[in-house]
C-alpha cells in the first residue's frame, strides 16, 4: 500500500475538502479543523515535521494518559483514523467512521446506484443519501455472505439473518424503506419490509439545571476582563434565550447592533429565527463590544488573542464547563455543554405554564413534533396524573419480604 506524503497544511485542507464533499455540515467541518489543529500542534511540539500514522497514535496515547477516555478523545481518534485513510489512500465516502468495506455483486451494486439515483431526484440532502447508501450496502453485503447474490435468492430467512448481523440498529429503518423500494420498482414480488425489526432509540432525559444553579454559573464569571465579558455574553445567549452554540458563534454585529430582536437563519434547521433581544443579554453584548478588539471581522465573538479569529462551538463548551466547575455545581451525570442550558430554559418555561407551542417557537424548532419533547420535561404537570401503585399482595408480597 502506497503511503501519500502531505504537509500538515495540505493534509488538513484535503481532509476538510473531502468532508465537505461528503455532505458534512459547516459545524462538523469546523470541529474537524479545530481537532486537526490540536493534533498538529502537538506533533510539531514533539519533533514531528509531518503527519504519520505513528505520530497520530503517539498523540492519542499522550492525550489518553493525561485525560483518559472521554468524548473529545473519541472525536480525536476519529480524526486520526480519517487522516490515516488519506495517507493510505483508503478513504471511503461513507457517512460513518467505521470504515467498513462492502463486497457487492454487480447486480446489487447497480441496484444500489438506481436506489440512490431515485432518492437523489426526490431532493434528499447529500449527507442523507450517503447514509442511505451505507445502510443498504451493509445489508446487501450481509446477504452476499449468506450466499444470497441476486434478488431472486431473497427469502424471509436470509433477510432476518442479515438484519441480525447489522449491529447498528439505527439502520433498520433505512433497510425497511429499501425493501419497499425493491417491491415497488425492482420486481420483488413480496414486501419483505415487515420482517425488519423495529428499533426505537432510547429516550435520554435531557440534562437540566435549576434556576439557582444557572444563576451561580452566571455570577461566577469575571466580567471585568475581556474574556469574561465575551464568555458572559455567550452564556447568556444560551441560558436566557436558548440559542444553539452554532448560531451563537455565527452571530454578526449587524444582528444585534441597534436592534430589539434577533433575526437569523439557523445553522441547524435552515429556518429563520425571530426572538426578542432580552435587556440583560443586550447589555452583556454591548459591554463586550465596547471592549472587543478592533478587527475587521463581522462576527461578534472572536478570540481574545491575536489574530482574533472567530471562535468555534468548542470555545463555548470549554468556557461553560470551566464556569460550572468554578461555581461548584454538582453536575452528577448531567451534561455540561451549552445544549443543557437550552434544555434548562425549555424546562423552566414549561414548568411556568408557558404553552409548548410558544416554547417551540422561542427555541427555533421547525417541527411541531418537538412539542412531545417538552411534554417529557414537564415534570410538575405530569405529577398531577401520577397514580398511587397498589400495595403488594400474594407471591409478590412474599418475594419482597425475602420468602422464596
Protein backbone atom coordinates (compact mmCIF):
# COMPACT_ATOMS: atom_id res chain seq x y z
CA UNK A 1 0.00 0.00 0.00
CA UNK A 2 1.49 3.30 -1.08
CA UNK A 3 1.51 5.98 1.61
CA UNK A 4 0.97 9.53 0.39
CA UNK A 5 3.10 12.42 1.63
CA UNK A 6 1.46 15.65 2.78
CA UNK A 7 2.47 18.69 4.77
CA UNK A 8 0.33 19.48 7.81
CA UNK A 9 -1.47 22.24 5.91
CA UNK A 10 -2.06 20.10 2.81
CA UNK A 11 -3.37 17.19 4.85
CA UNK A 12 -5.78 19.38 6.81
CA UNK A 13 -7.04 21.03 3.62
CA UNK A 14 -7.55 17.63 1.97
CA UNK A 15 -9.48 16.30 4.97
CA UNK A 16 -11.79 19.30 5.20
CA UNK A 17 -12.41 19.28 1.45
CA UNK A 18 -13.41 15.62 1.47
CA UNK A 19 -15.70 16.13 4.45
CA UNK A 20 -17.44 18.99 2.64
CA UNK A 21 -17.82 16.84 -0.49
CA UNK A 22 -19.28 14.11 1.70
CA UNK A 23 -22.10 16.44 2.77
CA UNK A 24 -20.94 17.28 6.30
CA UNK A 25 -22.35 20.48 7.77
CA UNK A 26 -20.14 23.58 8.27
CA UNK A 27 -20.27 22.97 12.03
CA UNK A 28 -18.89 19.44 11.59
CA UNK A 29 -16.14 20.66 9.27
CA UNK A 30 -15.21 23.39 11.75
CA UNK A 31 -14.96 20.76 14.51
CA UNK A 32 -12.59 18.66 12.39
CA UNK A 33 -10.47 21.75 11.68
CA UNK A 34 -10.17 22.54 15.38
CA UNK A 35 -9.23 18.95 16.24
CA UNK A 36 -6.69 18.82 13.39
CA UNK A 37 -5.06 21.94 14.80
CA UNK A 38 -4.77 20.29 18.24
CA UNK A 39 -3.17 17.17 16.75
CA UNK A 40 -0.73 19.05 14.51
CA UNK A 41 0.28 21.48 17.26
CA UNK A 42 1.23 18.56 19.49
CA UNK A 43 3.14 16.82 16.70
CA UNK A 44 5.14 19.95 15.87
CA UNK A 45 5.95 20.45 19.54
CA UNK A 46 7.21 16.87 19.81
CA UNK A 47 9.59 16.89 16.86
CA UNK A 48 7.34 15.67 14.05
CA UNK A 49 7.87 17.51 10.74
CA UNK A 50 4.89 15.85 9.05
CA UNK A 51 1.92 13.70 9.96
CA UNK A 52 2.20 9.92 10.08
CA UNK A 53 0.05 7.12 11.47
CA UNK A 54 2.74 6.55 14.09
CA UNK A 55 2.60 10.19 15.09
CA UNK A 56 -1.21 10.05 15.31
CA UNK A 57 -1.00 7.04 17.65
CA UNK A 58 1.60 8.82 19.78
CA UNK A 59 -0.68 11.84 20.11
CA UNK A 60 -3.67 9.69 21.12
CA UNK A 61 -1.61 7.79 23.69
CA UNK A 62 -0.38 11.05 25.20
CA UNK A 63 -3.89 12.51 25.37
CA UNK A 64 -5.28 9.31 26.89
CA UNK A 65 -2.57 9.23 29.58
CA UNK A 66 -3.47 12.79 30.65
CA UNK A 67 -7.23 12.93 30.25
CA UNK A 68 -8.48 9.38 29.96
CA UNK A 69 -11.19 8.21 27.58
CA UNK A 70 -13.77 10.95 27.12
CA UNK A 71 -15.93 12.26 24.27
CA UNK A 72 -13.20 14.56 22.99
CA UNK A 73 -10.76 11.65 22.91
CA UNK A 74 -13.25 9.71 20.76
CA UNK A 75 -13.54 12.70 18.41
CA UNK A 76 -9.76 13.00 18.13
CA UNK A 77 -9.45 9.28 17.43
CA UNK A 78 -11.96 9.61 14.59
CA UNK A 79 -9.90 12.46 13.09
CA UNK A 80 -6.74 10.35 13.31
CA UNK A 81 -8.49 7.47 11.52
CA UNK A 82 -9.59 9.84 8.77
CA UNK A 83 -6.10 11.29 8.38
CA UNK A 84 -4.70 7.76 8.15
CA UNK A 85 -7.26 6.95 5.42
CA UNK A 86 -5.98 9.88 3.37
CA UNK A 87 -2.36 8.84 3.86
CA UNK A 88 -3.05 5.21 2.94
CA UNK A 89 -5.46 6.10 0.13
CA UNK A 90 -8.21 4.06 1.81
CA UNK A 91 -10.80 6.83 2.16
CA UNK A 92 -14.35 5.57 1.80
CA UNK A 93 -17.13 8.04 1.07
CA UNK A 94 -19.49 6.81 3.74
CA UNK A 95 -21.48 8.73 6.32
CA UNK A 96 -19.66 6.83 9.07
CA UNK A 97 -16.29 6.42 10.68
CA UNK A 98 -16.45 2.65 10.93
CA UNK A 99 -14.51 2.30 7.67
CA UNK A 100 -16.39 -0.83 6.65
CA UNK A 101 -15.60 -2.37 3.27
CA UNK A 102 -18.51 -3.91 1.38
CA UNK A 103 -18.25 -6.57 -1.33
CA UNK A 104 -21.36 -6.46 -3.51
CA UNK A 105 -22.19 -8.37 -6.66
CA UNK A 106 -22.53 -6.36 -9.89
CA UNK A 107 -26.32 -6.81 -9.75
CA UNK A 108 -26.53 -5.49 -6.19
CA UNK A 109 -24.16 -2.61 -6.98
CA UNK A 110 -26.40 -1.49 -9.86
CA UNK A 111 -29.50 -1.72 -7.65
CA UNK A 112 -27.84 0.49 -5.03
CA UNK A 113 -26.98 3.04 -7.72
CA UNK A 114 -30.56 3.08 -9.01
CA UNK A 115 -31.93 3.42 -5.49
CA UNK A 116 -29.63 6.35 -4.69
CA UNK A 117 -30.43 7.99 -8.02
CA UNK A 118 -34.14 7.81 -7.21
CA UNK A 119 -33.82 9.35 -3.75
CA UNK A 120 -31.48 11.99 -5.17
CA UNK A 121 -34.23 13.05 -7.57
CA UNK A 122 -36.55 13.39 -4.58
CA UNK A 123 -34.33 16.15 -3.24
CA UNK A 124 -32.64 14.45 -0.30
CA UNK A 125 -29.51 16.14 1.09
CA UNK A 126 -26.15 14.72 0.04
CA UNK A 127 -25.29 13.54 3.54
CA UNK A 128 -28.63 11.74 3.82
CA UNK A 129 -28.07 9.95 0.52
CA UNK A 130 -24.62 8.82 1.64
CA UNK A 131 -26.11 7.49 4.86
CA UNK A 132 -28.83 5.58 2.98
CA UNK A 133 -26.24 4.12 0.60
CA UNK A 134 -24.23 2.95 3.58
CA UNK A 135 -27.26 1.28 5.17
CA UNK A 136 -28.38 -0.67 2.09
CA UNK A 137 -24.79 -1.57 1.14
CA UNK A 138 -24.21 -3.12 4.56
CA UNK A 139 -27.49 -5.02 4.26
CA UNK A 140 -26.69 -6.37 0.80
CA UNK A 141 -23.16 -7.24 1.88
CA UNK A 142 -24.57 -9.42 4.65
CA UNK A 143 -26.90 -11.08 2.13
CA UNK A 144 -23.92 -11.90 -0.12
CA UNK A 145 -22.19 -13.55 2.85
CA UNK A 146 -25.29 -15.71 3.22
CA UNK A 147 -24.90 -16.77 -0.43
CA UNK A 148 -27.86 -14.59 -1.47
CA UNK A 149 -26.38 -12.89 -4.55
CA UNK A 150 -29.44 -11.87 -6.59
CA UNK A 151 -32.93 -10.61 -5.82
CA UNK A 152 -34.35 -13.99 -6.81
CA UNK A 153 -32.39 -15.50 -3.89
CA UNK A 154 -34.17 -13.32 -1.32
CA UNK A 155 -36.04 -15.17 1.39
CA UNK A 156 -37.53 -14.30 4.78
CA UNK A 157 -34.76 -16.30 6.48
CA UNK A 158 -31.89 -14.54 4.68
CA UNK A 159 -33.40 -11.10 5.32
CA UNK A 160 -33.87 -11.82 9.03
CA UNK A 161 -30.34 -13.18 9.40
CA UNK A 162 -28.85 -10.20 7.56
CA UNK A 163 -30.65 -7.74 9.83
CA UNK A 164 -29.40 -9.55 12.92
CA UNK A 165 -25.81 -9.17 11.63
CA UNK A 166 -26.21 -5.40 11.35
CA UNK A 167 -25.20 -4.26 14.81
CA UNK A 168 -26.08 -0.60 14.13
CA UNK A 169 -29.78 -0.98 14.77
CA UNK A 170 -30.47 2.59 13.71
CA UNK A 171 -30.08 1.36 10.11
CA UNK A 172 -33.03 -0.99 10.28
CA UNK A 173 -35.47 1.74 9.33
CA UNK A 174 -33.45 2.52 6.19
CA UNK A 175 -33.41 -1.16 5.26
CA UNK A 176 -37.18 -1.29 5.67
CA UNK A 177 -37.57 1.56 3.15
CA UNK A 178 -35.16 -0.15 0.77
CA UNK A 179 -37.15 -3.40 0.84
CA UNK A 180 -40.31 -1.47 -0.03
CA UNK A 181 -38.42 0.06 -2.95
CA UNK A 182 -37.45 -3.43 -4.15
CA UNK A 183 -41.08 -4.48 -4.05
CA UNK A 184 -42.29 -1.37 -5.87
CA UNK A 185 -39.59 -0.88 -8.50
CA UNK A 186 -37.19 -3.83 -8.75
CA UNK A 187 -39.61 -6.71 -9.41
CA UNK A 188 -39.52 -8.35 -5.97
CA UNK A 189 -42.94 -9.93 -5.60
CA UNK A 190 -43.23 -9.70 -1.81
CA UNK A 191 -42.94 -6.76 0.56
CA UNK A 192 -40.30 -8.06 2.96
CA UNK A 193 -40.13 -4.80 4.92
CA UNK A 194 -42.44 -6.25 7.58
CA UNK A 195 -39.68 -8.72 8.51
CA UNK A 196 -37.27 -6.00 9.63
CA UNK A 197 -37.37 -5.43 13.40
CA UNK A 198 -38.45 -2.04 14.66
CA UNK A 199 -35.95 -0.14 16.72
CA UNK A 200 -36.65 2.97 18.76
CA UNK A 201 -33.69 4.89 20.03
CA UNK A 202 -33.83 5.00 23.84
CA UNK A 203 -35.02 8.38 25.06
CA UNK A 204 -32.41 10.20 27.09
CA UNK A 205 -33.71 12.56 29.74
CA UNK A 206 -32.26 15.99 28.89
CA UNK A 207 -29.71 17.50 31.24
CA UNK A 208 -31.43 20.29 33.14
CA UNK A 209 -30.01 22.78 35.64
CA UNK A 210 -32.11 24.69 38.14
CA UNK A 211 -32.54 28.46 38.02
CA UNK A 212 -30.38 28.72 41.14
CA UNK A 213 -27.59 26.67 39.57
CA UNK A 214 -27.63 28.74 36.39
CA UNK A 215 -27.55 31.94 38.45
CA UNK A 216 -24.44 30.68 40.27
CA UNK A 217 -22.77 29.83 36.94
CA UNK A 218 -23.52 33.28 35.52
CA UNK A 219 -22.39 35.13 38.65
CA UNK A 220 -19.03 33.34 38.85
CA UNK A 221 -17.90 34.87 35.53
CA UNK A 222 -15.45 37.74 36.00
CA UNK A 223 -16.86 40.42 33.72
CA UNK A 224 -14.04 42.85 34.49
CA UNK A 225 -11.88 41.11 31.85
CA UNK A 226 -12.29 40.90 28.09
CA UNK A 227 -12.50 37.10 28.28
CA UNK A 228 -15.15 37.29 30.98
CA UNK A 229 -17.22 39.86 29.08
CA UNK A 230 -17.18 37.66 25.98
CA UNK A 231 -17.99 34.44 27.83
CA UNK A 232 -20.75 36.09 29.86
CA UNK A 233 -22.48 37.37 26.72
CA UNK A 234 -22.23 33.96 25.02
CA UNK A 235 -23.56 32.05 28.00
CA UNK A 236 -26.48 34.44 28.48
CA UNK A 237 -27.48 33.90 24.86
CA UNK A 238 -27.72 30.19 25.65
CA UNK A 239 -29.22 30.37 29.15
CA UNK A 240 -31.65 33.30 28.73
CA UNK A 241 -32.56 32.97 25.04
CA UNK A 242 -31.94 29.28 24.39
CA UNK A 243 -29.80 29.80 21.30
CA UNK A 244 -27.77 26.92 19.90
CA UNK A 245 -23.99 27.25 20.13
CA UNK A 246 -23.74 27.03 16.32
CA UNK A 247 -25.96 30.10 15.99
CA UNK A 248 -24.14 31.98 18.74
CA UNK A 249 -20.74 31.70 17.05
CA UNK A 250 -22.27 32.80 13.73
CA UNK A 251 -23.85 35.95 15.17
CA UNK A 252 -22.72 39.12 13.45
CA UNK A 253 -22.57 42.65 14.81
CA UNK A 254 -25.36 43.76 12.48
CA UNK A 255 -27.61 41.10 14.00
CA UNK A 256 -27.68 42.89 17.38
CA UNK A 257 -26.50 46.46 16.86
CA UNK A 258 -29.29 48.99 17.49
CA UNK A 259 -31.89 46.24 17.42
CA UNK A 260 -34.52 44.97 19.82
CA UNK A 261 -34.69 41.44 18.37
CA UNK A 262 -32.54 38.81 16.72
CA UNK A 263 -33.50 37.60 13.25
CA UNK A 264 -31.14 34.94 11.89
CA UNK A 265 -31.13 31.89 9.64
CA UNK A 266 -30.49 28.99 11.99
CA UNK A 267 -27.42 26.91 11.22
CA UNK A 268 -29.05 23.57 12.04
CA UNK A 269 -32.60 23.86 10.72
CA UNK A 270 -32.03 26.49 7.99
CA UNK A 271 -35.23 28.18 9.22
CA UNK A 272 -35.50 31.82 10.27
CA UNK A 273 -35.46 32.53 13.99
CA UNK A 274 -37.07 35.66 15.42
CA UNK A 275 -36.72 36.30 19.16
CA UNK A 276 -36.75 39.47 21.26
CA UNK A 277 -33.32 40.60 22.44
CA UNK A 278 -33.65 40.50 26.24
CA UNK A 279 -32.37 43.59 28.03
CA UNK A 280 -29.81 41.75 30.20
CA UNK A 281 -28.47 39.92 27.16
CA UNK A 282 -28.21 43.09 25.08
CA UNK A 283 -26.40 44.85 27.95
CA UNK A 284 -23.91 41.99 28.18
CA UNK A 285 -23.29 42.06 24.41
CA UNK A 286 -22.87 45.85 24.42
CA UNK A 287 -20.43 45.61 27.34
CA UNK A 288 -18.37 43.06 25.42
CA UNK A 289 -18.47 45.02 22.16
CA UNK A 290 -17.18 48.12 23.96
CA UNK A 291 -14.01 46.20 24.88
CA UNK A 292 -13.79 43.92 21.84
CA UNK A 293 -10.55 44.25 19.81
CA UNK A 294 -10.94 46.47 16.75
CA UNK A 295 -10.50 43.96 13.96
CA UNK A 296 -12.10 43.58 10.54
CA UNK A 297 -14.48 40.78 11.40
CA UNK A 298 -18.25 40.82 11.09
CA UNK A 299 -18.61 38.14 13.76
CA UNK A 300 -19.34 39.31 17.29
CA UNK A 301 -17.40 36.68 19.18
CA UNK A 302 -13.69 36.37 18.39
CA UNK A 303 -10.68 35.01 20.24
CA UNK A 304 -9.18 37.39 22.78
CA UNK A 305 -5.68 36.84 21.39
CA UNK A 306 -4.24 37.83 18.03
CA UNK A 307 -5.07 37.15 15.21
CA UNK A 308 -8.58 37.34 16.77
CA UNK A 309 -10.24 34.66 14.65
CA UNK A 310 -13.95 33.87 15.06
CA UNK A 311 -14.47 31.36 17.85
CA UNK A 312 -15.88 27.86 17.42
CA UNK A 313 -18.58 26.00 19.32
CA UNK A 314 -15.80 24.24 21.23
CA UNK A 315 -14.91 27.58 22.82
CA UNK A 316 -18.42 27.89 24.27
CA UNK A 317 -18.39 24.32 25.57
CA UNK A 318 -14.99 24.77 27.21
CA UNK A 319 -16.00 28.09 28.78
CA UNK A 320 -19.26 26.75 30.21
CA UNK A 321 -17.57 23.66 31.61
CA UNK A 322 -14.97 25.88 33.31
CA UNK A 323 -17.57 28.12 34.95
CA UNK A 324 -19.68 25.16 36.10
CA UNK A 325 -16.62 23.85 37.92
CA UNK A 326 -15.77 27.27 39.38
CA UNK A 327 -19.35 27.64 40.62
CA UNK A 328 -19.05 24.27 42.41
CA UNK A 329 -22.21 22.98 40.76
CA UNK A 330 -22.57 19.25 41.31
CA UNK A 331 -23.37 18.04 37.79
CA UNK A 332 -23.67 14.36 38.63
CA UNK A 333 -24.26 12.62 35.31
CA UNK A 334 -25.65 15.73 33.64
CA UNK A 335 -24.00 17.09 30.52
CA UNK A 336 -22.00 20.30 30.79
CA UNK A 337 -22.44 21.76 27.29
CA UNK A 338 -24.50 24.75 26.13
CA UNK A 339 -27.32 22.48 24.96
CA UNK A 340 -28.02 21.76 28.64
CA UNK A 341 -28.80 25.47 29.04
CA UNK A 342 -31.33 25.20 26.17
CA UNK A 343 -32.97 22.24 27.88
CA UNK A 344 -32.98 24.11 31.20
CA UNK A 345 -34.69 27.10 29.63
CA UNK A 346 -37.31 24.86 27.99
CA UNK A 347 -37.97 23.06 31.28
CA UNK A 348 -38.27 26.34 33.16
CA UNK A 349 -40.70 27.82 30.62
CA UNK A 350 -42.85 24.69 30.55
CA UNK A 351 -42.99 24.49 34.34
CA UNK A 352 -44.04 28.16 34.41
CA UNK A 353 -47.10 27.26 32.38
CA UNK A 354 -45.94 28.62 29.02
CA UNK A 355 -47.52 26.72 26.14
CA UNK A 356 -45.49 24.10 24.31
CA UNK A 357 -46.06 25.88 21.01
CA UNK A 358 -44.58 29.11 22.38
CA UNK A 359 -41.56 27.22 23.73
CA UNK A 360 -41.09 25.60 20.33
CA UNK A 361 -41.04 28.96 18.58
CA UNK A 362 -38.70 30.56 21.12
CA UNK A 363 -36.18 27.74 20.75
CA UNK A 364 -36.46 27.75 16.97
CA UNK A 365 -37.67 24.20 16.37
CA UNK A 366 -39.05 23.81 12.85
CA UNK A 367 -41.02 20.64 13.57
CA UNK A 368 -44.14 20.66 15.71
CA UNK A 369 -43.28 17.14 16.87
CA UNK A 370 -40.73 18.81 19.17
CA UNK A 371 -43.68 19.54 21.46
CA UNK A 372 -43.55 15.89 22.56
CA UNK A 373 -40.03 16.52 23.81
CA UNK A 374 -41.18 19.37 26.06
CA UNK A 375 -44.00 17.26 27.45
CA UNK A 376 -41.40 14.85 28.80
CA UNK A 377 -39.68 17.56 30.84
CA UNK A 378 -42.97 18.98 32.17
CA UNK A 379 -42.46 17.18 35.48
CA UNK A 380 -44.85 19.24 37.59
CA UNK A 381 -47.74 18.86 35.16
CA UNK A 382 -47.07 15.13 34.74
CA UNK A 383 -47.05 14.77 38.53
CA UNK A 384 -50.77 15.67 38.60
CA UNK A 385 -51.59 12.49 36.68
CA UNK A 386 -49.41 10.10 38.65
CA UNK A 387 -51.17 7.10 40.17
CA UNK A 388 -50.56 5.56 43.55
CA UNK A 389 -49.33 1.98 42.96
CA UNK A 390 -51.39 -0.75 44.67
CA UNK A 391 -49.98 -2.40 47.76
CA UNK A 392 -48.17 -5.69 47.01
CA UNK A 393 -50.02 -8.90 47.77
CA UNK A 394 -49.68 -12.64 47.32
CA UNK A 395 -46.48 -14.09 45.88
CA UNK A 396 -45.08 -10.65 45.05
CA UNK A 397 -45.53 -9.56 48.68
CA UNK A 398 -43.80 -12.73 49.82
CA UNK A 399 -40.93 -12.15 47.40
CA UNK A 400 -40.42 -8.60 48.66
CA UNK A 401 -40.21 -9.94 52.19
CA UNK A 402 -37.49 -12.43 51.36
CA UNK A 403 -39.58 -15.53 51.02
CA UNK A 404 -38.62 -17.95 48.24
